[in-house]
Structure formats: structure tokens, C-alpha cells
């Protein structure tokens, strides 16, 4: 495993000539690490730790405004890159991994894959009957209420949906004592003051009951918070995402 220092080092990074840049944004599409952004209509290298120095963006620039140079810069940081591009979605992550493989960056590829597989679970237990709504970790959190099957269906569940959230799991078809679930959600809203409630369910009729339980719990709390419904297909694909309140 490679560990990175925040100290600078002499290495290759890109350099962008603002006077030549016409703001076409082609370099952004050609940068699998997300190191370039548009600032006031000009392409900017926003963080040298995102730049691997291979210059994939150079050939995308029709104005010859980008070149690679050797200078003092912060070390490339694969973990920061993955964290950055993960917010852009699956396609951006896939493009980056393919870029690493194409250029033989196998150590970085292994590190990226390890990072993506890392658990984002921050508390235990997670079954809705077992959680304590007054537990400190729920305070002011974004809560994810998840049907049992979702975590098995969605391949990047931890990084894409669980990261940064607290979680409870339940099955609206098989679980007993569903009125307790309504009370737990009410307590999470009123006492732990959760900020948002995301409900993830499978594309099967019985799963809609989990969303109904969530809505009943919030309604009984008397405190309105945003509720988001995410519907997942049996192959793990996200079919719909919708903010309901």
C-alpha cells in the first residue's frame, strides 16, 4: 500500500496557458482524474494531487494551451481522486479505472479498487428493530432506510449510497411489529433531529410498504424533513430517484 505525504516533490504535472484557453471544456472531458475545472471561463488545474502527470488532457486541447512540465507539486493521491470522481457517478469512476489500466498504473488501480470496496458503515446494529433512535451517531445525520435486499443488489452501495449516512434496514413484507418502525422513525425525526430520510427499495410491490412506513413515521413526528425515494432493479440498477417532500 502506498502512503502519501502532503509535502511537495519534483514531478510531472500539467500546465494550462490561460491566454490560449478558449473555454471549450474538452480537456475536462479528457481528464479521468477530475483535476481540471472551469473557473471564470478558463480551464484550471484545481489540485495537483488529482493530476497524475500522464497528460491525457493534452491531446484534447485544440488551442495547444496544455502541456506537461516538471515542477514542485504535491504528490498524486489516488484516494482523493476516487473520492472526488465518485461524486460524479459510475461512468466517471469507470473511465478513471480504465485509464489506470490502459496506462499500466496497476498499483494505483489496486488502491482505487480497495478504496471503492471499503465499508462506509459507521455504526451497529442496523436492523430497524434493534437500533436506538437516541444513539449519538444518529444526531443531526442523514438517515438511510434501506430494504434488506438492496445492499445485496447494488454493487457500489457503500460508496454511492451509504457513505456519509447513518442507516437502518428492514423488510416490509417479512418483519413483524411494523408499528414499532413508525415509532422509531418518529423518534429519529423528533429526538435525533435527522436532517433527511432516504428510503431505498427494490422494484417489487411489497417494498412500497417501506416507503409508506417512512412517510407515516415522519407525519407522526410533526416535524417535516425531506424524504427521498430510490428504487432499485433486481440487477442492482437505480431505476428512479425522487424527492417527495
C-alpha atoms as a PDB file:
ATOM      1  CA  UNK A   1       0.000   0.000   0.000  1.00  0.00           C
ATOM      2  CA  UNK A   2       1.304   3.472  -0.875  1.00  0.00           C
ATOM      3  CA  UNK A   3       1.020   6.260   1.682  1.00  0.00           C
ATOM      4  CA  UNK A   4       1.171   9.877   0.623  1.00  0.00           C
ATOM      5  CA  UNK A   5       2.703  12.967   2.188  1.00  0.00           C
ATOM      6  CA  UNK A   6       1.295  16.463   1.768  1.00  0.00           C
ATOM      7  CA  UNK A   7       4.855  17.749   1.180  1.00  0.00           C
ATOM      8  CA  UNK A   8       5.701  18.776  -2.373  1.00  0.00           C
ATOM      9  CA  UNK A   9       8.065  16.899  -4.642  1.00  0.00           C
ATOM     10  CA  UNK A  10       9.579  17.365  -8.070  1.00  0.00           C
ATOM     11  CA  UNK A  11       7.295  15.606 -10.530  1.00  0.00           C
ATOM     12  CA  UNK A  12       5.400  15.954 -13.807  1.00  0.00           C
ATOM     13  CA  UNK A  13       2.063  17.772 -13.867  1.00  0.00           C
ATOM     14  CA  UNK A  14       0.120  19.709 -16.470  1.00  0.00           C
ATOM     15  CA  UNK A  15       0.310  23.450 -17.045  1.00  0.00           C
ATOM     16  CA  UNK A  16      -2.515  25.441 -18.664  1.00  0.00           C
ATOM     17  CA  UNK A  17      -1.914  28.721 -20.539  1.00  0.00           C
ATOM     18  CA  UNK A  18      -4.970  30.835 -19.771  1.00  0.00           C
ATOM     19  CA  UNK A  19      -4.205  33.205 -22.646  1.00  0.00           C
ATOM     20  CA  UNK A  20      -4.580  30.348 -25.129  1.00  0.00           C
ATOM     21  CA  UNK A  21      -7.549  28.620 -23.446  1.00  0.00           C
ATOM     22  CA  UNK A  22     -10.860  29.274 -25.249  1.00  0.00           C
ATOM     23  CA  UNK A  23     -13.052  27.593 -22.603  1.00  0.00           C
ATOM     24  CA  UNK A  24     -14.199  24.698 -24.803  1.00  0.00           C
ATOM     25  CA  UNK A  25     -14.064  22.247 -21.836  1.00  0.00           C
ATOM     26  CA  UNK A  26     -12.701  19.365 -23.943  1.00  0.00           C
ATOM     27  CA  UNK A  27      -9.805  18.985 -21.510  1.00  0.00           C
ATOM     28  CA  UNK A  28     -12.238  18.407 -18.655  1.00  0.00           C
ATOM     29  CA  UNK A  29     -13.812  15.508 -20.537  1.00  0.00           C
ATOM     30  CA  UNK A  30     -10.327  14.171 -21.234  1.00  0.00           C
ATOM     31  CA  UNK A  31      -9.191  14.220 -17.613  1.00  0.00           C
ATOM     32  CA  UNK A  32     -10.206  10.949 -15.918  1.00  0.00           C
ATOM     33  CA  UNK A  33      -8.992  12.242 -12.532  1.00  0.00           C
ATOM     34  CA  UNK A  34     -11.181  15.366 -12.435  1.00  0.00           C
ATOM     35  CA  UNK A  35      -8.135  17.616 -11.967  1.00  0.00           C
ATOM     36  CA  UNK A  36      -9.429  20.350 -14.283  1.00  0.00           C
ATOM     37  CA  UNK A  37     -12.383  22.660 -13.763  1.00  0.00           C
ATOM     38  CA  UNK A  38     -13.682  25.763 -15.464  1.00  0.00           C
ATOM     39  CA  UNK A  39     -13.080  28.945 -13.461  1.00  0.00           C
ATOM     40  CA  UNK A  40     -14.359  32.229 -14.938  1.00  0.00           C
ATOM     41  CA  UNK A  41     -14.487  30.643 -18.382  1.00  0.00           C
ATOM     42  CA  UNK A  42     -10.932  29.266 -18.290  1.00  0.00           C
ATOM     43  CA  UNK A  43      -9.624  25.757 -17.627  1.00  0.00           C
ATOM     44  CA  UNK A  44      -7.774  25.479 -14.297  1.00  0.00           C
ATOM     45  CA  UNK A  45      -5.731  22.746 -12.647  1.00  0.00           C
ATOM     46  CA  UNK A  46      -7.619  22.826  -9.341  1.00  0.00           C
ATOM     47  CA  UNK A  47      -5.459  20.420  -7.351  1.00  0.00           C
ATOM     48  CA  UNK A  48      -2.095  18.896  -8.271  1.00  0.00           C
ATOM     49  CA  UNK A  49      -2.915  15.875  -6.086  1.00  0.00           C
ATOM     50  CA  UNK A  50      -5.558  14.999  -8.734  1.00  0.00           C
ATOM     51  CA  UNK A  51      -3.064  15.199 -11.620  1.00  0.00           C
ATOM     52  CA  UNK A  52      -1.134  12.012 -12.460  1.00  0.00           C
ATOM     53  CA  UNK A  53       1.078  13.845 -14.958  1.00  0.00           C
ATOM     54  CA  UNK A  54       0.344  11.462 -17.841  1.00  0.00           C
ATOM     55  CA  UNK A  55      -1.215  14.296 -19.852  1.00  0.00           C
ATOM     56  CA  UNK A  56      -4.363  12.575 -21.119  1.00  0.00           C
ATOM     57  CA  UNK A  57      -5.888  16.039 -21.477  1.00  0.00           C
ATOM     58  CA  UNK A  58      -3.084  17.472 -23.629  1.00  0.00           C
ATOM     59  CA  UNK A  59      -4.290  15.932 -26.880  1.00  0.00           C
ATOM     60  CA  UNK A  60      -7.853  17.118 -26.225  1.00  0.00           C
ATOM     61  CA  UNK A  61      -6.902  20.804 -26.399  1.00  0.00           C
ATOM     62  CA  UNK A  62      -7.310  22.311 -29.882  1.00  0.00           C
ATOM     63  CA  UNK A  63      -5.540  25.528 -28.807  1.00  0.00           C
ATOM     64  CA  UNK A  64      -2.306  23.885 -27.585  1.00  0.00           C
ATOM     65  CA  UNK A  65      -2.941  25.523 -24.224  1.00  0.00           C
ATOM     66  CA  UNK A  66      -1.921  22.492 -22.143  1.00  0.00           C
ATOM     67  CA  UNK A  67       1.483  20.895 -21.736  1.00  0.00           C
ATOM     68  CA  UNK A  68       3.226  18.717 -19.163  1.00  0.00           C
ATOM     69  CA  UNK A  69       6.043  20.204 -17.121  1.00  0.00           C
ATOM     70  CA  UNK A  70       8.257  19.101 -14.264  1.00  0.00           C
ATOM     71  CA  UNK A  71       7.935  21.225 -11.126  1.00  0.00           C
ATOM     72  CA  UNK A  72       7.465  21.117  -7.374  1.00  0.00           C
ATOM     73  CA  UNK A  73       3.946  19.828  -6.678  1.00  0.00           C
ATOM     74  CA  UNK A  74       2.000  17.884  -4.085  1.00  0.00           C
ATOM     75  CA  UNK A  75       2.122  14.103  -4.696  1.00  0.00           C
ATOM     76  CA  UNK A  76      -0.633  12.462  -6.713  1.00  0.00           C
ATOM     77  CA  UNK A  77      -3.225  10.979  -4.329  1.00  0.00           C
ATOM     78  CA  UNK A  78      -5.344   8.137  -5.713  1.00  0.00           C
ATOM     79  CA  UNK A  79      -7.704   8.088  -2.734  1.00  0.00           C
ATOM     80  CA  UNK A  80      -8.520  11.776  -3.112  1.00  0.00           C
ATOM     81  CA  UNK A  81      -9.097  11.248  -6.827  1.00  0.00           C
ATOM     82  CA  UNK A  82     -11.543   8.405  -6.254  1.00  0.00           C
ATOM     83  CA  UNK A  83     -13.376  10.389  -3.568  1.00  0.00           C
ATOM     84  CA  UNK A  84     -13.606  13.325  -5.977  1.00  0.00           C
ATOM     85  CA  UNK A  85     -14.835  11.494  -9.061  1.00  0.00           C
ATOM     86  CA  UNK A  86     -17.173   9.168  -7.131  1.00  0.00           C
ATOM     87  CA  UNK A  87     -19.465  12.169  -6.701  1.00  0.00           C
ATOM     88  CA  UNK A  88     -19.774  12.381 -10.497  1.00  0.00           C
ATOM     89  CA  UNK A  89     -21.232   8.882 -10.796  1.00  0.00           C
ATOM     90  CA  UNK A  90     -20.423   5.389 -12.037  1.00  0.00           C
ATOM     91  CA  UNK A  91     -19.390   6.475 -15.542  1.00  0.00           C
ATOM     92  CA  UNK A  92     -16.660   8.782 -14.220  1.00  0.00           C
ATOM     93  CA  UNK A  93     -15.280   6.072 -11.917  1.00  0.00           C
ATOM     94  CA  UNK A  94     -15.291   3.519 -14.753  1.00  0.00           C
ATOM     95  CA  UNK A  95     -13.454   5.946 -17.056  1.00  0.00           C
ATOM     96  CA  UNK A  96     -10.801   6.539 -14.408  1.00  0.00           C
ATOM     97  CA  UNK A  97     -10.239   2.826 -13.725  1.00  0.00           C
ATOM     98  CA  UNK A  98      -9.945   2.142 -17.461  1.00  0.00           C
ATOM     99  CA  UNK A  99      -7.426   4.981 -17.714  1.00  0.00           C
ATOM    100  CA  UNK A 100      -5.297   3.462 -14.951  1.00  0.00           C
ATOM    101  CA  UNK A 101      -5.372   0.029 -16.600  1.00  0.00           C
ATOM    102  CA  UNK A 102      -4.606   1.412 -20.062  1.00  0.00           C
ATOM    103  CA  UNK A 103      -1.503   3.212 -18.819  1.00  0.00           C
ATOM    104  CA  UNK A 104      -0.282   0.359 -16.652  1.00  0.00           C
ATOM    105  CA  UNK A 105      -0.877   2.170 -13.364  1.00  0.00           C
ATOM    106  CA  UNK A 106      -1.572  -1.138 -11.659  1.00  0.00           C
ATOM    107  CA  UNK A 107      -0.587  -0.041  -8.152  1.00  0.00           C
ATOM    108  CA  UNK A 108      -2.971   2.881  -8.328  1.00  0.00           C
ATOM    109  CA  UNK A 109      -5.630   0.640  -9.864  1.00  0.00           C
ATOM    110  CA  UNK A 110      -5.348  -1.779  -6.940  1.00  0.00           C
ATOM    111  CA  UNK A 111      -5.533   1.107  -4.490  1.00  0.00           C
ATOM    112  CA  UNK A 112      -8.614   2.528  -6.202  1.00  0.00           C
ATOM    113  CA  UNK A 113     -10.369  -0.827  -6.161  1.00  0.00           C
ATOM    114  CA  UNK A 114      -9.520  -1.319  -2.494  1.00  0.00           C
ATOM    115  CA  UNK A 115     -10.872   2.129  -1.662  1.00  0.00           C
ATOM    116  CA  UNK A 116     -14.095   1.526  -3.583  1.00  0.00           C
ATOM    117  CA  UNK A 117     -14.618  -1.744  -1.714  1.00  0.00           C
ATOM    118  CA  UNK A 118     -14.115  -0.096   1.690  1.00  0.00           C
ATOM    119  CA  UNK A 119     -17.055  -0.289   4.080  1.00  0.00           C
ATOM    120  CA  UNK A 120     -18.763   3.009   4.867  1.00  0.00           C
ATOM    121  CA  UNK A 121     -20.739   1.606   7.796  1.00  0.00           C
ATOM    122  CA  UNK A 122     -20.171   3.784  10.864  1.00  0.00           C
ATOM    123  CA  UNK A 123     -22.414   2.154  13.495  1.00  0.00           C
ATOM    124  CA  UNK A 124     -24.013  -1.069  14.633  1.00  0.00           C
ATOM    125  CA  UNK A 125     -26.657  -2.503  14.836  1.00  0.00           C
ATOM    126  CA  UNK A 126     -28.522  -1.542  11.691  1.00  0.00           C
ATOM    127  CA  UNK A 127     -31.713  -3.647  11.801  1.00  0.00           C
ATOM    128  CA  UNK A 128     -34.524  -1.198  12.499  1.00  0.00           C
ATOM    129  CA  UNK A 129     -35.921  -3.217  15.428  1.00  0.00           C
ATOM    130  CA  UNK A 130     -32.501  -3.135  17.100  1.00  0.00           C
ATOM    131  CA  UNK A 131     -31.372   0.464  16.624  1.00  0.00           C
ATOM    132  CA  UNK A 132     -31.690   3.010  19.409  1.00  0.00           C
ATOM    133  CA  UNK A 133     -33.002   6.265  17.904  1.00  0.00           C
ATOM    134  CA  UNK A 134     -31.433   8.201  20.783  1.00  0.00           C
ATOM    135  CA  UNK A 135     -27.907   6.946  19.985  1.00  0.00           C
ATOM    136  CA  UNK A 136     -25.434   9.774  19.463  1.00  0.00           C
ATOM    137  CA  UNK A 137     -24.477   8.723  15.942  1.00  0.00           C
ATOM    138  CA  UNK A 138     -27.987   9.465  14.651  1.00  0.00           C
ATOM    139  CA  UNK A 139     -27.964  13.043  15.921  1.00  0.00           C
ATOM    140  CA  UNK A 140     -28.223  15.542  13.016  1.00  0.00           C
ATOM    141  CA  UNK A 141     -27.422  12.802  10.484  1.00  0.00           C
ATOM    142  CA  UNK A 142     -28.804  11.969   7.062  1.00  0.00           C
ATOM    143  CA  UNK A 143     -30.629   8.674   7.610  1.00  0.00           C
ATOM    144  CA  UNK A 144     -30.874   5.882   5.046  1.00  0.00           C
ATOM    145  CA  UNK A 145     -33.789   3.479   5.486  1.00  0.00           C
ATOM    146  CA  UNK A 146     -32.985   0.506   3.313  1.00  0.00           C
ATOM    147  CA  UNK A 147     -34.887  -2.613   2.289  1.00  0.00           C
ATOM    148  CA  UNK A 148     -32.898  -5.724   3.261  1.00  0.00           C
ATOM    149  CA  UNK A 149     -32.300  -6.813  -0.349  1.00  0.00           C
ATOM    150  CA  UNK A 150     -30.889  -3.505  -1.598  1.00  0.00           C
ATOM    151  CA  UNK A 151     -27.409  -3.903  -0.122  1.00  0.00           C
ATOM    152  CA  UNK A 152     -27.016  -7.246  -1.926  1.00  0.00           C
ATOM    153  CA  UNK A 153     -28.301  -5.930  -5.263  1.00  0.00           C
ATOM    154  CA  UNK A 154     -26.358  -2.657  -5.576  1.00  0.00           C
ATOM    155  CA  UNK A 155     -22.671  -3.290  -6.253  1.00  0.00           C
ATOM    156  CA  UNK A 156     -21.399   0.138  -5.151  1.00  0.00           C
ATOM    157  CA  UNK A 157     -23.911   0.532  -2.333  1.00  0.00           C
ATOM    158  CA  UNK A 158     -21.399   1.655   0.293  1.00  0.00           C
ATOM    159  CA  UNK A 159     -19.604   4.341  -1.686  1.00  0.00           C
ATOM    160  CA  UNK A 160     -22.581   5.656  -3.625  1.00  0.00           C
ATOM    161  CA  UNK A 161     -25.425   5.482  -1.106  1.00  0.00           C
ATOM    162  CA  UNK A 162     -24.227   4.671   2.421  1.00  0.00           C
ATOM    163  CA  UNK A 163     -21.214   6.978   2.590  1.00  0.00           C
ATOM    164  CA  UNK A 164     -21.860   9.877   4.974  1.00  0.00           C
ATOM    165  CA  UNK A 165     -25.164   8.494   6.238  1.00  0.00           C
ATOM    166  CA  UNK A 166     -26.492   6.524   9.176  1.00  0.00           C
ATOM    167  CA  UNK A 167     -28.597   3.503   8.242  1.00  0.00           C
ATOM    168  CA  UNK A 168     -31.416   1.207   9.265  1.00  0.00           C
ATOM    169  CA  UNK A 169     -32.580  -1.875   7.361  1.00  0.00           C
ATOM    170  CA  UNK A 170     -35.985  -3.545   7.317  1.00  0.00           C
ATOM    171  CA  UNK A 171     -38.249  -5.805   5.271  1.00  0.00           C
ATOM    172  CA  UNK A 172     -41.815  -4.505   4.996  1.00  0.00           C
ATOM    173  CA  UNK A 173     -43.099  -7.943   3.957  1.00  0.00           C
ATOM    174  CA  UNK A 174     -41.480 -10.321   6.459  1.00  0.00           C
ATOM    175  CA  UNK A 175     -40.762  -8.201   9.541  1.00  0.00           C
ATOM    176  CA  UNK A 176     -43.192  -8.193  12.454  1.00  0.00           C
ATOM    177  CA  UNK A 177     -44.185  -5.206  14.581  1.00  0.00           C
ATOM    178  CA  UNK A 178     -44.201  -2.603  11.837  1.00  0.00           C
ATOM    179  CA  UNK A 179     -45.907  -0.107  14.169  1.00  0.00           C
ATOM    180  CA  UNK A 180     -42.629  -0.096  16.105  1.00  0.00           C
ATOM    181  CA  UNK A 181     -40.876   1.005  12.931  1.00  0.00           C
ATOM    182  CA  UNK A 182     -43.178   4.016  12.661  1.00  0.00           C
ATOM    183  CA  UNK A 183     -42.355   4.978  16.249  1.00  0.00           C
ATOM    184  CA  UNK A 184     -38.606   4.564  15.632  1.00  0.00           C
ATOM    185  CA  UNK A 185     -38.743   6.837  12.600  1.00  0.00           C
ATOM    186  CA  UNK A 186     -40.776   9.370  14.586  1.00  0.00           C
ATOM    187  CA  UNK A 187     -38.104   9.321  17.305  1.00  0.00           C
ATOM    188  CA  UNK A 188     -35.312   9.723  14.762  1.00  0.00           C
ATOM    189  CA  UNK A 189     -37.044  12.784  13.357  1.00  0.00           C
ATOM    190  CA  UNK A 190     -38.085  14.410  16.639  1.00  0.00           C
ATOM    191  CA  UNK A 191     -35.387  13.378  19.089  1.00  0.00           C
ATOM    192  CA  UNK A 192     -32.287  12.757  16.992  1.00  0.00           C
ATOM    193  CA  UNK A 193     -33.250  15.540  14.596  1.00  0.00           C
ATOM    194  CA  UNK A 194     -32.167  13.686  11.477  1.00  0.00           C
ATOM    195  CA  UNK A 195     -31.816  16.093   8.543  1.00  0.00           C
ATOM    196  CA  UNK A 196     -33.047  13.941   5.674  1.00  0.00           C
ATOM    197  CA  UNK A 197     -34.569  10.496   5.171  1.00  0.00           C
ATOM    198  CA  UNK A 198     -33.657   8.432   2.109  1.00  0.00           C
ATOM    199  CA  UNK A 199     -35.684   5.264   1.506  1.00  0.00           C
ATOM    200  CA  UNK A 200     -34.140   2.645  -0.792  1.00  0.00           C
ATOM    201  CA  UNK A 201     -36.409  -0.146  -2.006  1.00  0.00           C
ATOM    202  CA  UNK A 202     -36.476  -2.851  -4.617  1.00  0.00           C
ATOM    203  CA  UNK A 203     -38.750  -2.765  -7.652  1.00  0.00           C
ATOM    204  CA  UNK A 204     -41.276  -5.187  -6.162  1.00  0.00           C
ATOM    205  CA  UNK A 205     -44.763  -4.320  -4.866  1.00  0.00           C
ATOM    206  CA  UNK A 206     -44.127  -5.316  -1.248  1.00  0.00           C
ATOM    207  CA  UNK A 207     -41.204  -2.903  -0.934  1.00  0.00           C
ATOM    208  CA  UNK A 208     -43.501   0.098  -1.357  1.00  0.00           C
ATOM    209  CA  UNK A 209     -44.658  -0.617   2.181  1.00  0.00           C
ATOM    210  CA  UNK A 210     -41.279   0.567   3.493  1.00  0.00           C
ATOM    211  CA  UNK A 211     -41.794   3.976   1.938  1.00  0.00           C
ATOM    212  CA  UNK A 212     -45.288   4.128   3.438  1.00  0.00           C
ATOM    213  CA  UNK A 213     -43.866   3.329   6.899  1.00  0.00           C
ATOM    214  CA  UNK A 214     -41.305   6.093   6.485  1.00  0.00           C
ATOM    215  CA  UNK A 215     -43.934   8.622   5.460  1.00  0.00           C
ATOM    216  CA  UNK A 216     -46.161   7.632   8.376  1.00  0.00           C
ATOM    217  CA  UNK A 217     -43.266   7.973  10.793  1.00  0.00           C
ATOM    218  CA  UNK A 218     -42.395  11.455   9.558  1.00  0.00           C
ATOM    219  CA  UNK A 219     -46.054  12.510   9.557  1.00  0.00           C
ATOM    220  CA  UNK A 220     -46.457  11.378  13.169  1.00  0.00           C
ATOM    221  CA  UNK A 221     -43.364  13.342  14.169  1.00  0.00           C
ATOM    222  CA  UNK A 222     -44.965  16.633  13.287  1.00  0.00           C
ATOM    223  CA  UNK A 223     -41.597  17.882  12.031  1.00  0.00           C
ATOM    224  CA  UNK A 224     -41.182  17.959   8.286  1.00  0.00           C
ATOM    225  CA  UNK A 225     -37.936  16.726   6.726  1.00  0.00           C
ATOM    226  CA  UNK A 226     -37.074  15.915   3.111  1.00  0.00           C
ATOM    227  CA  UNK A 227     -37.817  12.320   2.067  1.00  0.00           C
ATOM    228  CA  UNK A 228     -36.115  10.781  -0.951  1.00  0.00           C
ATOM    229  CA  UNK A 229     -37.243   7.537  -2.571  1.00  0.00           C
ATOM    230  CA  UNK A 230     -34.697   5.454  -4.517  1.00  0.00           C
ATOM    231  CA  UNK A 231     -35.999   2.437  -6.461  1.00  0.00           C
ATOM    232  CA  UNK A 232     -33.557  -0.337  -7.388  1.00  0.00           C
ATOM    233  CA  UNK A 233     -33.987  -3.037 -10.042  1.00  0.00           C
ATOM    234  CA  UNK A 234     -33.227  -6.708  -9.471  1.00  0.00           C
ATOM    235  CA  UNK A 235     -29.886  -6.331 -11.276  1.00  0.00           C
ATOM    236  CA  UNK A 236     -28.841  -3.504  -8.986  1.00  0.00           C
ATOM    237  CA  UNK A 237     -29.540  -0.630 -11.336  1.00  0.00           C
ATOM    238  CA  UNK A 238     -31.136   2.547  -9.971  1.00  0.00           C
ATOM    239  CA  UNK A 239     -34.473   2.934 -11.736  1.00  0.00           C
ATOM    240  CA  UNK A 240     -35.738   6.098 -10.095  1.00  0.00           C
ATOM    241  CA  UNK A 241     -34.708   8.754  -7.557  1.00  0.00           C
ATOM    242  CA  UNK A 242     -37.254  11.285  -6.353  1.00  0.00           C
ATOM    243  CA  UNK A 243     -37.515  13.811  -3.523  1.00  0.00           C
ATOM    244  CA  UNK A 244     -41.065  13.504  -2.209  1.00  0.00           C
ATOM    245  CA  UNK A 245     -41.090  16.400   0.271  1.00  0.00           C
END
